[in-house]
Protein backbone atom coordinates (compact mmCIF):
# COMPACT_ATOMS: atom_id res chain seq x y z
CA MET A 1 135.05 98.92 144.74
CA ILE A 2 137.02 102.16 144.79
CA ARG A 3 139.60 102.51 142.07
CA THR A 4 142.62 104.53 143.10
CA TRP A 5 145.25 105.87 140.71
CA LEU A 6 148.67 106.68 142.13
CA ARG A 7 151.37 108.49 140.21
CA ILE A 8 154.71 106.74 140.82
CA CYS A 9 156.87 108.81 138.51
CA SER A 10 156.51 112.00 136.61
CA SER A 11 158.71 113.79 134.10
CA SER A 12 158.43 116.18 131.22
CA THR A 13 158.50 113.23 128.82
CA GLY A 14 155.89 110.97 130.33
CA GLN A 15 154.06 109.63 133.35
CA SER A 16 153.40 106.19 134.81
CA TYR A 17 150.56 105.02 137.00
CA ILE A 18 149.71 101.89 138.97
CA PHE A 19 146.16 100.71 139.53
CA LEU A 20 145.26 99.23 142.88
CA PRO A 21 142.18 97.04 142.36
CA HIS A 22 141.63 96.43 146.05
CA ILE A 23 139.56 98.60 148.38
CA ALA A 24 141.65 101.57 149.51
CA LEU A 25 139.46 103.90 151.54
CA SER A 26 142.38 105.33 153.51
CA PHE A 27 144.14 106.42 150.27
CA HIS A 28 141.11 107.78 148.44
CA ARG A 29 141.50 111.40 149.57
CA TYR A 30 145.06 111.46 148.24
CA ALA A 31 144.16 110.06 144.81
CA VAL A 32 145.28 112.17 141.84
CA LEU A 33 143.23 112.13 138.64
CA PRO A 34 144.99 112.29 135.23
CA GLU A 35 143.36 115.68 134.43
CA GLN A 36 144.74 117.09 137.66
CA ILE A 37 148.19 115.75 136.83
CA GLN A 38 148.12 117.39 133.40
CA CYS A 39 147.11 120.69 135.02
CA GLU A 40 150.02 120.49 137.46
CA GLU A 41 152.40 119.59 134.66
CA THR A 42 151.24 122.56 132.54
CA VAL A 43 151.72 124.94 135.44
CA SER A 44 155.16 123.46 136.17
CA VAL A 45 156.35 123.76 132.56
CA ALA A 46 155.02 127.34 132.24
CA MET A 47 156.59 128.42 135.51
CA ASP A 48 159.94 126.85 134.69
CA SER A 49 160.08 128.41 131.23
CA MET A 50 159.13 131.88 132.44
CA ARG A 51 161.52 131.78 135.39
CA LYS A 52 164.35 130.99 132.97
CA GLY A 53 163.39 133.96 130.83
CA GLU A 54 162.71 131.82 127.76
CA SER A 55 160.84 133.37 124.88
CA TRP A 56 157.10 132.94 124.34
CA ASP A 57 157.84 130.86 121.24
CA VAL A 58 159.76 128.36 123.35
CA LEU A 59 156.87 128.19 125.80
CA SER A 60 154.47 127.65 122.91
CA ARG A 61 156.53 124.68 121.67
CA LYS A 62 156.75 123.15 125.13
CA LEU A 63 153.00 123.39 125.68
CA VAL A 64 151.89 122.63 122.15
CA HIS A 65 150.11 119.40 123.23
CA PHE A 66 148.79 120.72 126.53
CA GLU A 67 145.21 121.92 126.97
CA MET A 68 144.89 125.35 128.55
CA SER A 69 142.17 125.86 131.17
CA ASN A 70 141.01 128.64 133.50
CA SER A 71 142.35 126.62 136.41
CA VAL A 72 145.84 126.49 134.86
CA VAL A 73 145.83 130.21 134.06
CA ARG A 74 144.70 131.04 137.59
CA GLN A 75 147.48 128.97 139.19
CA VAL A 76 150.19 130.49 136.99
CA LEU A 77 148.97 134.04 137.60
CA LEU A 78 148.92 133.51 141.37
CA GLN A 79 152.49 132.21 141.23
CA PHE A 80 153.46 135.61 139.79
CA LYS A 81 151.43 137.80 142.13
CA GLN A 82 154.48 139.55 143.63
CA PRO A 83 155.12 143.05 142.18
CA VAL A 84 158.49 141.98 140.70
CA ASP A 85 156.72 139.26 138.69
CA ALA A 86 153.69 141.31 137.62
CA LYS A 87 154.93 141.83 134.06
CA ARG A 88 155.43 138.06 133.69
CA ALA A 89 151.85 137.55 134.83
CA LEU A 90 150.59 140.08 132.27
CA GLY A 91 152.73 138.52 129.52
CA PHE A 92 151.40 135.04 130.27
CA PHE A 93 147.83 136.38 130.31
CA HIS A 94 148.23 137.86 126.82
CA TRP A 95 150.18 134.83 125.54
CA CYS A 96 147.29 132.53 126.46
CA ALA A 97 144.85 134.70 124.51
CA MET A 98 147.04 135.01 121.40
CA SER A 99 149.02 131.76 121.14
CA LYS A 100 146.51 129.36 122.61
CA ASN A 101 143.42 131.28 121.41
CA PHE A 102 142.17 131.06 124.98
CA ASN A 103 139.10 132.97 126.19
CA HIS A 104 139.78 134.15 129.75
CA ASN A 105 136.94 134.09 132.25
CA ILE A 106 136.11 137.10 134.45
CA SER A 107 137.89 135.61 137.46
CA ASN A 108 141.25 135.40 135.65
CA TYR A 109 140.84 138.89 134.26
CA CYS A 110 140.31 140.15 137.80
CA ILE A 111 143.32 138.26 139.21
CA ALA A 112 145.53 139.80 136.52
CA ILE A 113 144.10 143.26 137.23
CA LEU A 114 144.65 142.90 140.99
CA ILE A 115 148.27 141.81 140.43
CA LEU A 116 148.92 144.79 138.13
CA VAL A 117 147.39 147.27 140.60
CA ARG A 118 149.51 145.86 143.43
CA ALA A 119 152.60 146.42 141.25
CA LYS A 120 151.39 149.95 140.42
CA LEU A 121 151.12 149.13 136.70
CA ILE A 122 148.02 151.31 136.50
CA ARG A 123 147.90 151.83 132.74
CA ASP A 124 147.94 148.09 132.07
CA ALA A 125 145.35 147.52 134.80
CA ARG A 126 143.03 150.13 133.25
CA ALA A 127 143.36 148.49 129.83
CA LEU A 128 142.36 145.07 131.20
CA LEU A 129 139.51 146.62 133.21
CA GLU A 130 138.07 148.34 130.15
CA SER A 131 138.36 145.09 128.19
CA VAL A 132 136.53 142.98 130.76
CA LEU A 133 133.83 145.64 131.30
CA LEU A 134 133.11 145.86 127.59
CA LYS A 135 132.85 142.07 127.43
CA ASN A 136 130.37 142.13 130.32
CA SER A 137 128.38 145.30 129.64
CA ASN A 138 125.13 144.35 131.39
CA ASP A 139 123.92 147.54 133.10
CA HIS A 140 123.06 145.77 136.35
CA ASP A 141 125.58 142.91 136.44
CA LEU A 142 127.90 143.02 139.46
CA GLU A 143 129.95 140.00 138.35
CA VAL A 144 133.16 141.97 137.81
CA VAL A 145 133.23 143.65 141.21
CA SER A 146 132.25 140.35 142.85
CA ALA A 147 135.16 138.59 141.15
CA LEU A 148 137.56 141.35 142.25
CA LEU A 149 136.39 141.02 145.83
CA ASP A 150 136.71 137.21 145.70
CA SER A 151 140.39 137.42 144.66
CA TYR A 152 141.32 140.60 146.54
CA ARG A 153 142.73 138.85 149.62
CA ILE A 154 144.70 136.10 147.89
CA THR A 155 146.50 138.63 145.67
CA ASP A 156 147.32 141.04 148.54
CA SER A 157 146.23 143.85 146.23
CA SER A 158 145.31 147.50 146.91
CA PRO A 159 141.85 149.14 147.37
CA LEU A 160 142.87 151.38 144.49
CA VAL A 161 141.55 148.67 142.18
CA PHE A 162 137.97 149.55 143.15
CA ASP A 163 138.52 153.22 142.39
CA LEU A 164 139.89 152.25 139.00
CA LEU A 165 136.85 150.05 138.40
CA VAL A 166 134.37 152.87 139.04
CA GLN A 167 136.49 155.30 137.03
CA CYS A 168 136.47 152.90 134.07
CA TYR A 169 132.71 152.52 134.33
CA SER A 170 132.46 156.33 134.29
CA LYS A 171 134.74 156.60 131.27
CA LEU A 172 132.59 154.06 129.43
CA ARG A 173 129.46 155.98 130.50
CA MET A 174 128.05 152.92 132.27
CA MET A 175 126.54 155.11 134.97
CA ASP A 176 123.91 152.92 136.62
CA ILE A 177 126.22 149.94 137.11
CA ALA A 178 128.92 152.34 138.35
CA PHE A 179 126.66 153.58 141.14
CA ASP A 180 125.42 150.06 141.90
CA THR A 181 129.08 149.10 142.26
CA CYS A 182 129.62 151.97 144.73
CA LEU A 183 126.75 150.68 146.85
CA TYR A 184 128.00 147.09 146.61
CA LEU A 185 131.52 148.07 147.66
CA ASP A 186 130.15 150.01 150.60
CA GLU A 187 128.35 146.88 151.78
CA HIS A 188 131.72 145.12 151.78
CA GLY A 189 133.55 147.86 153.68
CA PHE A 190 135.25 149.74 150.84
CA THR A 191 134.84 153.52 150.37
CA LEU A 192 135.86 155.20 147.14
CA SER A 193 138.05 158.27 146.85
CA ILE A 194 136.61 161.70 146.13
CA ILE A 195 138.36 161.55 142.73
CA SER A 196 136.27 158.54 141.69
CA TYR A 197 133.05 160.13 142.91
CA ASN A 198 133.86 163.39 141.11
CA MET A 199 134.50 161.57 137.85
CA LEU A 200 131.22 159.66 138.12
CA ILE A 201 129.21 162.76 139.08
CA HIS A 202 130.73 164.73 136.20
CA VAL A 203 129.76 162.06 133.63
CA VAL A 204 126.24 161.68 135.05
CA GLN A 205 125.68 165.44 135.13
CA LYS A 206 126.78 165.73 131.48
CA SER A 207 124.26 163.02 130.61
CA ASP A 208 121.34 165.00 132.12
CA ARG A 209 120.71 162.35 134.79
CA THR A 210 120.09 164.88 137.56
CA ASP A 211 118.19 162.33 139.64
CA LEU A 212 121.24 160.06 139.72
CA VAL A 213 123.60 163.01 140.36
CA TRP A 214 121.81 163.81 143.64
CA ARG A 215 121.65 160.17 144.69
CA ILE A 216 125.42 159.85 144.24
CA TYR A 217 126.07 163.12 146.11
CA GLU A 218 123.82 161.99 148.97
CA HIS A 219 125.60 158.64 149.14
CA MET A 220 128.98 160.39 149.26
CA ILE A 221 128.09 162.42 152.33
CA GLN A 222 126.47 159.43 154.04
CA LYS A 223 129.74 157.53 153.62
CA ARG A 224 131.86 160.51 154.73
CA ALA A 225 133.47 161.05 151.33
CA TYR A 226 133.14 164.82 151.71
CA PRO A 227 132.95 167.00 148.58
CA ASN A 228 135.67 169.35 147.40
CA GLU A 229 135.56 172.36 145.07
CA VAL A 230 135.33 170.16 141.97
CA THR A 231 132.33 168.33 143.41
CA VAL A 232 130.53 171.54 144.35
CA ARG A 233 131.16 173.06 140.93
CA THR A 234 129.63 170.02 139.24
CA MET A 235 126.61 170.08 141.55
CA ILE A 236 126.01 173.79 140.85
CA SER A 237 126.04 172.90 137.14
CA ALA A 238 123.44 170.21 137.85
CA LEU A 239 121.24 172.78 139.64
CA CYS A 240 121.54 175.13 136.67
CA LYS A 241 120.72 172.38 134.19
CA GLU A 242 117.51 171.40 135.99
CA GLY A 243 116.54 175.07 136.37
CA LYS A 244 116.50 175.07 140.18
CA LEU A 245 119.48 177.24 141.07
CA GLN A 246 117.49 180.47 141.39
CA GLU A 247 114.82 178.70 143.44
CA GLN A 248 117.43 177.47 145.91
CA LEU A 249 119.10 180.88 146.08
CA ASP A 250 115.71 182.44 146.87
CA ILE A 251 115.10 179.95 149.68
CA ILE A 252 118.49 180.67 151.23
CA ASP A 253 117.97 184.44 150.87
CA ARG A 254 114.68 184.15 152.76
CA ILE A 255 116.31 182.12 155.52
CA GLN A 256 119.69 183.78 155.81
CA GLY A 257 119.05 187.21 154.34
CA LYS A 258 122.28 187.07 152.33
CA ARG A 259 124.11 184.93 149.83
CA CYS A 260 126.05 181.90 151.04
CA PRO A 261 129.02 179.91 149.65
CA PRO A 262 128.20 177.53 146.75
CA SER A 263 128.78 174.49 148.99
CA VAL A 264 126.03 175.67 151.36
CA VAL A 265 123.67 176.17 148.40
CA VAL A 266 124.31 172.62 147.19
CA ASN A 267 123.93 171.03 150.64
CA THR A 268 120.76 173.00 151.39
CA SER A 269 119.33 171.92 148.05
CA LEU A 270 120.03 168.27 148.82
CA VAL A 271 118.29 168.34 152.21
CA PHE A 272 115.38 170.42 150.89
CA ARG A 273 114.66 167.98 148.07
CA MET A 274 114.89 165.02 150.47
CA ILE A 275 112.23 166.65 152.67
CA GLU A 276 110.10 167.46 149.61
CA GLU A 277 110.34 163.80 148.54
CA GLY A 278 109.00 162.71 151.93
CA ARG A 279 112.35 161.42 153.21
CA ASP A 280 112.25 163.75 156.17
CA GLU A 281 114.01 161.58 158.73
CA GLU A 282 116.84 160.72 156.34
CA GLY A 283 117.23 164.40 155.46
CA LEU A 284 117.47 165.45 159.13
CA ILE A 285 120.07 162.77 159.92
CA LEU A 286 122.16 163.83 156.94
CA MET A 287 121.81 167.51 157.87
CA LYS A 288 123.11 166.85 161.39
CA ARG A 289 126.24 165.33 159.90
CA MET A 290 126.59 168.38 157.64
CA LEU A 291 126.27 170.70 160.63
CA GLN A 292 129.02 168.84 162.48
CA LYS A 293 131.32 169.34 159.48
CA ASN A 294 130.31 173.03 159.00
CA MET A 295 128.79 172.15 155.65
CA ILE A 296 125.56 174.01 156.44
CA LEU A 297 124.75 177.12 158.50
CA ASP A 298 122.95 177.04 161.87
CA THR A 299 120.08 179.24 160.67
CA ILE A 300 119.47 177.04 157.64
CA PHE A 301 119.69 173.92 159.82
CA TYR A 302 117.04 175.15 162.27
CA SER A 303 114.77 176.41 159.50
CA LEU A 304 114.85 173.10 157.65
CA VAL A 305 114.21 171.21 160.89
CA VAL A 306 111.00 173.21 161.39
CA PHE A 307 110.09 172.80 157.71
CA ALA A 308 110.48 169.02 158.04
CA LYS A 309 108.36 168.97 161.21
CA VAL A 310 105.58 170.80 159.37
CA LYS A 311 105.73 168.17 156.63
CA ILE A 312 105.79 165.22 159.05
CA HIS A 313 103.61 166.22 161.98
CA GLY A 314 101.69 169.34 160.92
CA VAL A 315 101.48 172.90 162.21
CA ASP A 316 101.01 172.33 165.94
CA ALA A 317 103.97 169.97 166.39
CA ALA A 318 106.20 172.20 164.25
CA ARG A 319 105.14 175.29 166.20
CA GLU A 320 106.33 173.67 169.44
CA VAL A 321 109.75 173.07 167.90
CA PHE A 322 109.77 176.59 166.49
CA ASP A 323 108.92 178.17 169.86
CA GLU A 324 111.64 176.14 171.55
CA MET A 325 114.17 177.39 169.02
CA LEU A 326 113.05 180.98 169.57
CA LYS A 327 113.89 180.56 173.26
CA ARG A 328 117.41 179.51 172.26
CA GLY A 329 117.95 182.72 170.31
CA PHE A 330 116.84 181.53 166.90
CA GLU A 331 115.00 184.25 164.94
CA ALA A 332 111.98 183.91 162.68
CA ASN A 333 112.52 184.46 158.96
CA PRO A 334 110.33 184.92 155.86
CA PHE A 335 110.88 181.33 154.76
CA LEU A 336 109.41 179.84 157.94
CA CYS A 337 106.56 182.35 158.12
CA THR A 338 105.60 181.42 154.55
CA VAL A 339 105.81 177.70 155.42
CA PHE A 340 103.53 178.16 158.44
CA ILE A 341 101.00 180.23 156.46
CA GLY A 342 100.87 177.59 153.73
CA ALA A 343 100.46 174.79 156.28
CA HIS A 344 97.59 176.64 158.04
CA CYS A 345 95.81 177.13 154.72
CA ASN A 346 96.29 173.47 153.75
CA GLU A 347 94.68 172.46 157.04
CA GLY A 348 91.78 174.87 156.47
CA ARG A 349 92.82 177.13 159.36
CA ILE A 350 92.39 180.39 157.48
CA ASP A 351 92.04 182.63 160.54
CA GLY A 352 95.37 181.33 161.85
CA ALA A 353 97.01 181.96 158.49
CA ILE A 354 95.69 185.54 158.33
CA ARG A 355 96.85 186.16 161.89
CA LEU A 356 100.33 184.87 161.03
CA MET A 357 100.48 187.18 158.03
CA GLN A 358 99.65 190.13 160.28
CA GLU A 359 102.26 189.09 162.87
CA MET A 360 104.81 188.70 160.10
CA GLU A 361 104.23 192.24 158.88
CA ASP A 362 104.13 193.68 162.41
CA VAL A 363 107.71 192.53 163.11
CA GLY A 364 108.92 193.88 159.78
CA ILE A 365 109.20 190.58 157.90
CA LYS A 366 108.32 191.08 154.25
CA PRO A 367 105.79 188.52 152.98
CA TYR A 368 106.60 186.74 149.73
CA ASP A 369 104.37 185.71 146.83
CA GLU A 370 103.98 182.16 148.17
CA ALA A 371 102.34 183.47 151.35
CA PHE A 372 99.77 185.49 149.37
CA ASN A 373 99.13 182.61 146.95
CA SER A 374 98.49 180.26 149.87
CA LEU A 375 96.01 182.74 151.40
CA ILE A 376 94.22 183.32 148.08
CA LEU A 377 93.88 179.58 147.51
CA GLY A 378 92.93 178.87 151.12
CA CYS A 379 90.28 181.59 151.24
CA ALA A 380 88.77 180.43 147.95
CA LEU A 381 88.56 176.81 149.08
CA ALA A 382 86.97 177.93 152.34
CA GLY A 383 84.39 179.98 150.43
CA ARG A 384 85.77 183.26 151.75
CA VAL A 385 86.02 184.87 148.33
CA GLU A 386 85.96 188.49 149.56
CA GLU A 387 89.07 187.94 151.70
CA GLY A 388 90.73 186.03 148.89
CA LEU A 389 90.16 188.99 146.58
CA LYS A 390 91.79 191.34 149.08
CA PHE A 391 94.98 189.26 149.09
CA TYR A 392 94.75 189.00 145.30
CA LYS A 393 94.71 192.81 145.02
CA ARG A 394 97.61 193.09 147.48
CA ILE A 395 99.84 190.82 145.44
CA LEU A 396 99.05 192.88 142.33
CA ALA A 397 99.82 196.10 144.22
CA MET A 398 103.26 194.68 145.02
CA GLY A 399 103.88 194.43 141.27
CA ASN A 400 103.71 190.65 141.30
CA VAL A 401 101.43 188.10 139.61
CA PRO A 402 99.53 185.38 141.49
CA SER A 403 100.22 181.75 140.73
CA ARG A 404 97.92 180.09 138.22
CA ASP A 405 96.50 177.75 140.87
CA ALA A 406 95.67 180.67 143.16
CA PHE A 407 94.06 182.68 140.35
CA ASN A 408 92.07 179.69 139.09
CA SER A 409 90.72 179.08 142.59
CA ILE A 410 89.37 182.64 142.77
CA VAL A 411 87.94 182.46 139.24
CA GLY A 412 86.31 179.14 140.04
CA LYS A 413 84.57 180.41 143.18
CA LEU A 414 83.42 183.64 141.51
CA SER A 415 81.98 181.66 138.58
CA GLU A 416 80.18 179.28 140.93
CA THR A 417 78.56 182.15 142.82
CA GLY A 418 77.19 183.97 139.76
CA CYS A 419 80.03 186.50 139.48
CA THR A 420 81.43 185.21 136.20
CA SER A 421 81.66 188.68 134.66
CA LEU A 422 83.86 189.84 137.56
CA ALA A 423 86.05 186.75 137.14
CA ASN A 424 86.33 187.42 133.40
CA SER A 425 87.31 191.04 133.99
CA LEU A 426 90.03 189.89 136.42
CA LEU A 427 91.44 187.69 133.65
CA THR A 428 91.26 190.56 131.13
CA ASP A 429 93.28 192.82 133.47
CA LEU A 430 95.76 190.07 134.30
CA MET A 431 96.39 189.26 130.63
CA GLU A 432 98.27 192.55 130.37
CA THR A 433 100.98 191.00 132.56
CA GLU A 434 103.00 187.84 131.94
CA PHE A 435 100.20 185.66 133.32
CA LYS A 436 99.18 182.76 131.07
CA PRO A 437 95.77 181.12 131.64
CA ASP A 438 95.27 177.41 131.08
CA GLU A 439 92.33 175.12 130.24
CA THR A 440 91.23 175.17 133.90
CA THR A 441 90.91 178.96 133.82
CA TYR A 442 88.69 178.82 130.74
CA SER A 443 86.67 175.84 132.00
CA HIS A 444 85.67 177.82 135.11
CA LEU A 445 84.59 180.84 133.05
CA ILE A 446 82.77 178.78 130.40
CA ALA A 447 80.95 176.81 133.11
CA GLY A 448 79.97 180.07 134.82
CA TYR A 449 78.58 181.69 131.67
CA ALA A 450 76.88 178.40 130.68
CA THR A 451 75.05 178.36 134.01
CA GLU A 452 73.91 181.92 133.25
CA GLU A 453 72.87 180.74 129.73
CA ASN A 454 75.14 183.40 128.19
CA ILE A 455 75.92 181.49 125.00
CA GLN A 456 77.62 184.48 123.37
CA GLU A 457 80.28 184.74 126.10
CA VAL A 458 80.65 180.94 126.18
CA MET A 459 81.50 180.84 122.45
CA LYS A 460 83.73 183.88 122.70
CA LEU A 461 85.79 182.21 125.44
CA TYR A 462 85.98 178.94 123.48
CA TYR A 463 87.32 180.71 120.37
CA GLU A 464 89.76 182.67 122.53
CA LEU A 465 91.01 179.43 124.05
CA GLU A 466 91.64 177.91 120.62
CA PHE A 467 93.31 181.12 119.42
CA ARG A 468 95.79 180.83 122.32
CA SER A 469 96.52 177.19 121.31
CA ILE A 470 95.29 175.91 124.66
CA HIS A 471 94.00 172.36 124.36
CA PRO A 472 90.50 172.12 125.84
CA ASN A 473 89.74 169.19 128.12
CA GLU A 474 86.48 167.53 129.16
CA SER A 475 85.78 170.22 131.77
CA VAL A 476 85.69 172.76 128.89
CA PHE A 477 83.68 170.67 126.41
CA GLU A 478 80.94 169.52 128.79
CA PRO A 479 79.52 172.94 129.81
CA LEU A 480 80.10 174.19 126.25
CA ILE A 481 78.15 171.37 124.53
CA CYS A 482 75.40 171.31 127.16
CA CYS A 483 74.90 175.07 126.83
CA LEU A 484 74.78 174.85 123.01
CA CYS A 485 72.18 172.09 123.20
CA ARG A 486 70.01 174.06 125.64
CA SER A 487 70.23 177.04 123.27
CA GLY A 488 69.04 174.95 120.34
CA LYS A 489 72.45 175.01 118.59
CA VAL A 490 72.66 171.23 118.24
CA ASP A 491 74.65 171.36 114.98
CA GLU A 492 77.37 173.45 116.66
CA ALA A 493 77.26 171.12 119.65
CA GLU A 494 77.88 168.13 117.35
CA ARG A 495 80.85 169.93 115.77
CA CYS A 496 82.27 170.43 119.26
CA LEU A 497 81.65 166.74 119.97
CA LYS A 498 83.66 165.85 116.84
CA ALA A 499 86.48 168.16 117.97
CA MET A 500 86.37 166.43 121.34
CA ARG A 501 86.68 162.96 119.77
CA ASP A 502 89.47 164.15 117.47
CA ARG A 503 91.44 164.87 120.65
CA SER A 504 90.67 161.36 121.95
CA ILE A 505 88.55 162.72 124.81
CA GLU A 506 85.72 160.40 125.79
CA PRO A 507 82.39 162.27 126.11
CA SER A 508 80.62 162.05 129.46
CA ALA A 509 77.09 160.79 130.05
CA ASN A 510 75.93 164.40 130.58
CA ILE A 511 77.11 165.33 127.08
CA TYR A 512 75.20 162.46 125.46
CA LYS A 513 72.12 163.31 127.49
CA ALA A 514 72.29 166.97 126.44
CA LEU A 515 72.68 166.02 122.75
CA ILE A 516 69.71 163.64 122.92
CA CYS A 517 67.51 166.23 124.63
CA GLY A 518 68.69 168.96 122.26
CA GLY A 519 68.05 166.78 119.21
CA ALA A 520 64.55 165.87 120.42
CA HIS A 521 63.73 169.51 121.12
CA GLN A 522 64.97 170.52 117.66
CA LEU A 523 62.88 167.78 116.02
CA ASN A 524 59.75 168.84 117.92
CA SER A 525 60.31 172.43 116.81
CA LYS A 526 60.57 171.39 113.16
CA ILE A 527 57.39 169.30 113.42
CA HIS A 528 55.56 172.21 115.04
CA ILE A 529 56.68 174.63 112.30
CA HIS A 530 55.79 172.16 109.54
CA THR A 531 52.32 171.58 111.02
CA HIS A 532 51.71 175.32 111.37
CA VAL A 533 52.68 176.00 107.73
CA ASN A 534 50.46 173.19 106.39
CA SER A 535 47.50 174.40 108.39
């Protein structure tokens, strides 16, 4: 049996109901529950009192026996959604919290905020936004923006509310959720103003989150929120803070031959790092949009296209693109020549790399350090040490210093081929410059001298390494300990083993084997001496 309650009269003083005990299927959908009636009555009383301009104390007396609920608050707020009633809505919102000790849910906060933004009461809207964000400060919780979107249509509000939301997140330094909100809004068709993006980028940059700064900047351009002078200035600061401004200026100088506006530096840096991260296709698509908006120069565009092709498809595919661009009037530059030389060396095509270097010089393009470092490293890996040494001497003659990787490759090959003394003399000469060797440098030299059984030079290099506060690794300790054991200096080898363990480096099987053999040899020697003396 379905029980149906029907309200037959209603007033501010009381209500009456009749109960129909018979089956009433046709009336069931129109049935009104007592809780629903109380909700309607509360809304009616609140609306009537506020329309008459009665004080909040009067409203408190009228509703003293009424239970407040989120549903009631929502209905009252929506009744006052017009701009002329926005202050009434705000007053009722605060009255509920103070007089009724009511804890508003996120949805009602957002309805009040949307009403205030529509009425251009921005200061009040900001205050409520900050309050609700602090109450819901989960770094990855999108509940607030979801609630705003849910009520956006029914309040006829303005998209400005979403800018205010992101700006409040920025002010509160809630950076990750601010950017997540940007992405979420974009999925729902809302794009933020450049002011909001600038505020967020500024806060993130001040917090040393350079990774997030570039993600936000990339997102801006993808969504056609194009940067202004404030944006560019902040991004230049980010480049300075991460120590990459000079590197980017050098790249542009090698491509363009002259300095470019700061905006071009920033945009070039963004695309370059996208290609370096392996996001070549995304970088090229973004760069095309930049070119259409004159945010990047033609020469830089073409150069980065070729650079990306080298990264994606290798030298041959990139060369086809490069040759096609040459036919269109595009000119070669030191940046691309260096890229091609490095790519040839990485692929083991040393002859091609040397030929490119010669062609580069023949047309008057000045080679840079990177080109020589690539050739030194490539020649060493290919076992062509003599040619590697020639390029090493050329870079020194230019007044420059080879990279540590390039130098270590030469030292390593010389030490392997029995030319450790030559490698050591190269290091001695280079130490007069700003060059700083590392544990790899010393491991190559120690291994070379150990192979030659030159224990004196091995120990000298080990003490020099410790004097320079360079932390030795396993590749240093293994040839050192093995050489000491072969030379009968087992006690010194054990001291080195202790030093190795103190640095939490696990000894290799070769080290244990050398110590065992060395210990056995030492014991046999003592037995032999003891027997000889006794006889």
